[in-house]
Amino acid sequence: MTLKAKTNPPFMTGVPELLVLRLLKARAMYGYEIVAELREQSGAVIQAGEGVIYPVLHALEKDGALKASRKAVNGRSRVYYSLTDKGQKRLEGLSQEWSRIAEAVGAMLKGERHEPAF
């Protein structure tokens, strides 16, 4: 069996997806709460706005990785998103892929050659 290498891995475009899934693993959240939590937990290094987060949320919901439910809070209606079983599996896969990529980048930054484990 030959491993086919991805020529354009989605590791940069997949970062918001990975982080959204990780945040929603802890608890259900609405869109702006996710934006604020990304900023807070990253020490303001990651500042993805609603224009990035809402398309990710909608795509993940459409794919079945998230479930949306509308709730009234203080007289306002908010859409809360939560992880589904499919979303949990997707998070696990993306986390493994990101760890592999981060390890390779870290090795290259040290001037080393990355030797992937098989």
N, C-alpha and C. Protein backbone atom coordinates (compact mmCIF):
# COMPACT_ATOMS: atom_id res chain seq x y z
N MET A 1 0.84 -1.18 0.00
CA MET A 1 0.00 0.00 0.00
C MET A 1 0.89 1.24 0.00
N THR A 2 0.59 2.17 -0.88
CA THR A 2 1.36 3.40 -0.98
C THR A 2 0.60 4.52 -0.31
N LEU A 3 1.32 5.29 0.50
CA LEU A 3 0.71 6.46 1.13
C LEU A 3 0.75 7.61 0.14
N LYS A 4 -0.39 8.17 -0.14
CA LYS A 4 -0.46 9.30 -1.05
C LYS A 4 -0.32 10.59 -0.24
N ALA A 5 0.69 11.37 -0.54
CA ALA A 5 0.93 12.62 0.17
C ALA A 5 -0.04 13.68 -0.32
N LYS A 6 -0.51 14.48 0.59
CA LYS A 6 -1.35 15.61 0.22
C LYS A 6 -0.44 16.72 -0.28
N THR A 7 -0.77 17.26 -1.43
CA THR A 7 0.06 18.33 -1.96
C THR A 7 -0.34 19.69 -1.41
N ASN A 8 -1.55 19.78 -0.89
CA ASN A 8 -2.01 21.05 -0.32
C ASN A 8 -2.80 20.75 0.95
N PRO A 9 -2.11 20.33 2.02
CA PRO A 9 -2.84 20.00 3.24
C PRO A 9 -3.54 21.22 3.80
N PRO A 10 -4.72 21.04 4.36
CA PRO A 10 -5.49 22.19 4.85
C PRO A 10 -5.07 22.63 6.24
N PHE A 11 -3.78 22.55 6.56
CA PHE A 11 -3.38 22.86 7.92
C PHE A 11 -3.55 24.33 8.28
N MET A 12 -3.52 25.22 7.33
CA MET A 12 -3.75 26.63 7.69
C MET A 12 -5.23 26.95 7.67
N THR A 13 -5.93 26.53 6.63
CA THR A 13 -7.36 26.81 6.58
C THR A 13 -8.11 25.96 7.59
N GLY A 14 -7.53 24.86 8.03
CA GLY A 14 -8.18 23.99 9.00
C GLY A 14 -8.00 24.42 10.44
N VAL A 15 -7.17 25.42 10.69
CA VAL A 15 -6.92 25.85 12.07
C VAL A 15 -8.19 26.39 12.74
N PRO A 16 -8.96 27.28 12.11
CA PRO A 16 -10.19 27.74 12.77
C PRO A 16 -11.15 26.57 13.06
N GLU A 17 -11.27 25.65 12.14
CA GLU A 17 -12.13 24.49 12.35
C GLU A 17 -11.66 23.68 13.56
N LEU A 18 -10.39 23.40 13.62
CA LEU A 18 -9.82 22.65 14.73
C LEU A 18 -10.08 23.35 16.07
N LEU A 19 -9.84 24.64 16.11
CA LEU A 19 -10.01 25.38 17.36
C LEU A 19 -11.47 25.50 17.78
N VAL A 20 -12.36 25.68 16.81
CA VAL A 20 -13.80 25.73 17.12
C VAL A 20 -14.25 24.39 17.69
N LEU A 21 -13.86 23.31 17.05
CA LEU A 21 -14.23 21.98 17.56
C LEU A 21 -13.68 21.77 18.96
N ARG A 22 -12.45 22.19 19.20
CA ARG A 22 -11.85 22.01 20.53
C ARG A 22 -12.60 22.80 21.58
N LEU A 23 -12.97 24.03 21.28
CA LEU A 23 -13.72 24.84 22.24
C LEU A 23 -15.08 24.22 22.54
N LEU A 24 -15.73 23.71 21.51
CA LEU A 24 -17.07 23.15 21.70
C LEU A 24 -17.04 21.77 22.36
N LYS A 25 -15.87 21.19 22.45
CA LYS A 25 -15.75 19.93 23.20
C LYS A 25 -16.06 20.18 24.68
N ALA A 26 -15.68 21.35 25.16
CA ALA A 26 -15.86 21.69 26.58
C ALA A 26 -17.31 22.01 26.90
N ARG A 27 -17.97 22.77 26.01
CA ARG A 27 -19.36 23.16 26.27
C ARG A 27 -19.97 23.80 25.03
N ALA A 28 -21.28 23.86 24.99
CA ALA A 28 -21.98 24.53 23.89
C ALA A 28 -21.74 26.04 24.01
N MET A 29 -21.58 26.69 22.88
CA MET A 29 -21.34 28.14 22.85
C MET A 29 -22.03 28.75 21.64
N TYR A 30 -22.27 30.05 21.70
CA TYR A 30 -22.78 30.78 20.55
C TYR A 30 -21.60 31.46 19.85
N GLY A 31 -21.83 31.95 18.64
CA GLY A 31 -20.75 32.45 17.79
C GLY A 31 -19.83 33.47 18.41
N TYR A 32 -20.38 34.56 18.92
CA TYR A 32 -19.51 35.59 19.48
C TYR A 32 -18.75 35.08 20.70
N GLU A 33 -19.36 34.19 21.45
CA GLU A 33 -18.69 33.59 22.61
C GLU A 33 -17.46 32.81 22.16
N ILE A 34 -17.57 32.13 21.03
CA ILE A 34 -16.44 31.38 20.47
C ILE A 34 -15.33 32.34 20.07
N VAL A 35 -15.70 33.44 19.41
CA VAL A 35 -14.71 34.46 19.01
C VAL A 35 -13.96 34.96 20.24
N ALA A 36 -14.70 35.32 21.27
CA ALA A 36 -14.09 35.85 22.50
C ALA A 36 -13.23 34.80 23.20
N GLU A 37 -13.69 33.57 23.22
CA GLU A 37 -12.95 32.49 23.89
C GLU A 37 -11.65 32.17 23.15
N LEU A 38 -11.68 32.21 21.82
CA LEU A 38 -10.44 32.01 21.04
C LEU A 38 -9.41 33.08 21.40
N ARG A 39 -9.86 34.31 21.47
CA ARG A 39 -8.98 35.42 21.82
C ARG A 39 -8.43 35.23 23.23
N GLU A 40 -9.32 34.92 24.16
CA GLU A 40 -8.94 34.77 25.57
C GLU A 40 -7.95 33.62 25.77
N GLN A 41 -8.30 32.45 25.26
CA GLN A 41 -7.46 31.27 25.50
C GLN A 41 -6.12 31.32 24.77
N SER A 42 -6.05 32.11 23.69
CA SER A 42 -4.78 32.21 22.97
C SER A 42 -3.95 33.41 23.42
N GLY A 43 -4.40 34.10 24.46
CA GLY A 43 -3.68 35.28 24.90
C GLY A 43 -3.69 36.37 23.85
N ALA A 44 -4.76 36.45 23.09
CA ALA A 44 -4.97 37.43 22.02
C ALA A 44 -4.06 37.23 20.81
N VAL A 45 -3.39 36.09 20.74
CA VAL A 45 -2.57 35.77 19.56
C VAL A 45 -3.48 35.42 18.39
N ILE A 46 -4.56 34.71 18.67
CA ILE A 46 -5.53 34.34 17.64
C ILE A 46 -6.75 35.22 17.82
N GLN A 47 -7.03 36.01 16.79
CA GLN A 47 -8.17 36.91 16.84
C GLN A 47 -8.99 36.73 15.57
N ALA A 48 -9.73 35.64 15.53
CA ALA A 48 -10.58 35.35 14.38
C ALA A 48 -11.93 36.02 14.62
N GLY A 49 -12.36 36.82 13.67
CA GLY A 49 -13.63 37.52 13.80
C GLY A 49 -14.81 36.66 13.37
N GLU A 50 -15.99 37.24 13.49
CA GLU A 50 -17.21 36.53 13.12
C GLU A 50 -17.20 36.12 11.65
N GLY A 51 -16.55 36.91 10.79
CA GLY A 51 -16.47 36.59 9.37
C GLY A 51 -15.71 35.31 9.08
N VAL A 52 -14.88 34.88 10.02
CA VAL A 52 -14.17 33.60 9.90
C VAL A 52 -14.96 32.50 10.62
N ILE A 53 -15.44 32.79 11.81
CA ILE A 53 -16.04 31.77 12.66
C ILE A 53 -17.41 31.30 12.17
N TYR A 54 -18.29 32.23 11.77
CA TYR A 54 -19.63 31.80 11.35
C TYR A 54 -19.63 30.89 10.13
N PRO A 55 -18.83 31.14 9.09
CA PRO A 55 -18.79 30.18 7.99
C PRO A 55 -18.29 28.80 8.43
N VAL A 56 -17.34 28.77 9.36
CA VAL A 56 -16.85 27.49 9.89
C VAL A 56 -17.98 26.77 10.64
N LEU A 57 -18.69 27.50 11.48
CA LEU A 57 -19.80 26.91 12.23
C LEU A 57 -20.87 26.35 11.28
N HIS A 58 -21.24 27.13 10.28
CA HIS A 58 -22.28 26.70 9.34
C HIS A 58 -21.84 25.47 8.54
N ALA A 59 -20.58 25.45 8.12
CA ALA A 59 -20.07 24.29 7.37
C ALA A 59 -20.04 23.04 8.25
N LEU A 60 -19.59 23.19 9.49
CA LEU A 60 -19.54 22.05 10.41
C LEU A 60 -20.94 21.54 10.74
N GLU A 61 -21.88 22.46 10.88
CA GLU A 61 -23.27 22.05 11.14
C GLU A 61 -23.83 21.30 9.93
N LYS A 62 -23.61 21.84 8.75
CA LYS A 62 -24.10 21.21 7.52
C LYS A 62 -23.53 19.80 7.36
N ASP A 63 -22.28 19.64 7.78
CA ASP A 63 -21.59 18.35 7.66
C ASP A 63 -22.00 17.37 8.77
N GLY A 64 -22.71 17.85 9.78
CA GLY A 64 -23.14 16.98 10.87
C GLY A 64 -22.17 16.90 12.03
N ALA A 65 -21.13 17.73 12.01
CA ALA A 65 -20.14 17.73 13.10
C ALA A 65 -20.62 18.55 14.29
N LEU A 66 -21.56 19.46 14.03
CA LEU A 66 -22.14 20.29 15.09
C LEU A 66 -23.65 20.23 15.04
N LYS A 67 -24.25 20.47 16.19
CA LYS A 67 -25.70 20.60 16.29
C LYS A 67 -25.98 22.00 16.79
N ALA A 68 -26.93 22.69 16.15
CA ALA A 68 -27.30 24.04 16.55
C ALA A 68 -28.65 24.02 17.25
N SER A 69 -28.77 24.82 18.29
CA SER A 69 -30.05 24.95 18.97
C SER A 69 -30.23 26.40 19.40
N ARG A 70 -31.42 26.91 19.20
CA ARG A 70 -31.72 28.30 19.52
C ARG A 70 -32.21 28.38 20.96
N LYS A 71 -31.65 29.34 21.71
CA LYS A 71 -32.04 29.54 23.11
C LYS A 71 -32.24 31.02 23.36
N ALA A 72 -33.21 31.33 24.19
CA ALA A 72 -33.44 32.72 24.59
C ALA A 72 -32.61 32.99 25.85
N VAL A 73 -31.82 34.06 25.79
CA VAL A 73 -30.97 34.46 26.92
C VAL A 73 -31.14 35.96 27.10
N ASN A 74 -31.63 36.36 28.27
CA ASN A 74 -31.84 37.79 28.58
C ASN A 74 -32.64 38.49 27.49
N GLY A 75 -33.67 37.84 27.01
CA GLY A 75 -34.53 38.43 26.00
C GLY A 75 -33.99 38.39 24.59
N ARG A 76 -32.82 37.81 24.41
CA ARG A 76 -32.21 37.69 23.08
C ARG A 76 -32.19 36.24 22.67
N SER A 77 -32.35 36.00 21.41
CA SER A 77 -32.28 34.63 20.89
C SER A 77 -30.87 34.38 20.36
N ARG A 78 -30.25 33.32 20.83
CA ARG A 78 -28.90 32.98 20.40
C ARG A 78 -28.87 31.54 19.90
N VAL A 79 -28.03 31.29 18.92
CA VAL A 79 -27.84 29.94 18.41
C VAL A 79 -26.60 29.37 19.07
N TYR A 80 -26.81 28.31 19.84
CA TYR A 80 -25.71 27.62 20.51
C TYR A 80 -25.32 26.40 19.68
N TYR A 81 -24.03 26.17 19.60
CA TYR A 81 -23.50 25.05 18.84
C TYR A 81 -22.87 24.06 19.81
N SER A 82 -23.09 22.78 19.53
CA SER A 82 -22.49 21.73 20.35
C SER A 82 -21.93 20.64 19.44
N LEU A 83 -20.96 19.93 19.95
CA LEU A 83 -20.28 18.87 19.22
C LEU A 83 -21.16 17.63 19.13
N THR A 84 -21.19 16.99 17.98
CA THR A 84 -21.85 15.70 17.81
C THR A 84 -20.78 14.61 17.88
N ASP A 85 -21.20 13.36 17.82
CA ASP A 85 -20.22 12.26 17.78
C ASP A 85 -19.32 12.39 16.55
N LYS A 86 -19.93 12.78 15.44
CA LYS A 86 -19.14 12.98 14.21
C LYS A 86 -18.13 14.11 14.41
N GLY A 87 -18.53 15.16 15.11
CA GLY A 87 -17.63 16.26 15.39
C GLY A 87 -16.49 15.86 16.30
N GLN A 88 -16.78 15.00 17.27
CA GLN A 88 -15.74 14.49 18.17
C GLN A 88 -14.70 13.70 17.39
N LYS A 89 -15.16 12.86 16.47
CA LYS A 89 -14.23 12.08 15.64
C LYS A 89 -13.41 12.99 14.74
N ARG A 90 -14.06 14.01 14.21
CA ARG A 90 -13.35 14.96 13.35
C ARG A 90 -12.30 15.71 14.15
N LEU A 91 -12.63 16.10 15.37
CA LEU A 91 -11.67 16.78 16.25
C LEU A 91 -10.47 15.89 16.51
N GLU A 92 -10.70 14.63 16.79
CA GLU A 92 -9.59 13.70 17.04
C GLU A 92 -8.68 13.59 15.82
N GLY A 93 -9.27 13.45 14.64
CA GLY A 93 -8.47 13.35 13.41
C GLY A 93 -7.69 14.61 13.12
N LEU A 94 -8.34 15.76 13.24
CA LEU A 94 -7.66 17.03 13.00
C LEU A 94 -6.57 17.29 14.03
N SER A 95 -6.82 16.90 15.28
CA SER A 95 -5.81 17.09 16.33
C SER A 95 -4.56 16.27 16.04
N GLN A 96 -4.74 15.03 15.60
CA GLN A 96 -3.60 14.18 15.26
C GLN A 96 -2.83 14.77 14.08
N GLU A 97 -3.56 15.23 13.07
CA GLU A 97 -2.92 15.82 11.90
C GLU A 97 -2.16 17.09 12.28
N TRP A 98 -2.77 17.94 13.09
CA TRP A 98 -2.11 19.17 13.51
C TRP A 98 -0.86 18.87 14.33
N SER A 99 -0.92 17.90 15.22
CA SER A 99 0.25 17.54 16.03
C SER A 99 1.39 17.07 15.14
N ARG A 100 1.06 16.29 14.13
CA ARG A 100 2.07 15.80 13.18
C ARG A 100 2.71 16.97 12.44
N ILE A 101 1.90 17.91 11.99
CA ILE A 101 2.41 19.07 11.25
C ILE A 101 3.24 19.96 12.17
N ALA A 102 2.74 20.22 13.38
CA ALA A 102 3.47 21.08 14.33
C ALA A 102 4.82 20.48 14.69
N GLU A 103 4.87 19.17 14.83
CA GLU A 103 6.14 18.50 15.12
C GLU A 103 7.13 18.68 13.97
N ALA A 104 6.65 18.54 12.73
CA ALA A 104 7.52 18.70 11.56
C ALA A 104 8.01 20.14 11.44
N VAL A 105 7.12 21.11 11.66
CA VAL A 105 7.50 22.52 11.59
C VAL A 105 8.51 22.84 12.69
N GLY A 106 8.27 22.33 13.90
CA GLY A 106 9.19 22.54 15.01
C GLY A 106 10.58 22.00 14.70
N ALA A 107 10.64 20.83 14.11
CA ALA A 107 11.92 20.24 13.75
C ALA A 107 12.64 21.10 12.71
N MET A 108 11.88 21.56 11.73
CA MET A 108 12.49 22.39 10.68
C MET A 108 13.00 23.71 11.25
N LEU A 109 12.27 24.30 12.18
CA LEU A 109 12.71 25.57 12.78
C LEU A 109 13.99 25.39 13.58
N LYS A 110 14.22 24.20 14.09
CA LYS A 110 15.46 23.90 14.82
C LYS A 110 16.58 23.51 13.86
N GLY A 111 16.27 23.46 12.57
CA GLY A 111 17.28 23.06 11.59
C GLY A 111 17.45 21.56 11.52
N GLU A 112 16.47 20.83 11.99
CA GLU A 112 16.53 19.36 11.99
C GLU A 112 15.66 18.81 10.88
N ARG A 113 15.86 17.55 10.61
CA ARG A 113 15.00 16.85 9.66
C ARG A 113 13.96 16.08 10.46
N HIS A 114 12.73 16.23 10.08
CA HIS A 114 11.63 15.53 10.76
C HIS A 114 11.56 14.09 10.25
N GLU A 115 11.58 13.16 11.17
CA GLU A 115 11.44 11.75 10.83
C GLU A 115 10.10 11.27 11.33
N PRO A 116 9.11 11.17 10.45
CA PRO A 116 7.78 10.76 10.90
C PRO A 116 7.77 9.31 11.38
N ALA A 117 6.96 9.09 12.39
CA ALA A 117 6.79 7.73 12.91
C ALA A 117 5.75 7.02 12.07
N PHE A 118 6.02 5.79 11.73
CA PHE A 118 5.06 4.98 10.96
C PHE A 118 4.51 3.89 11.80
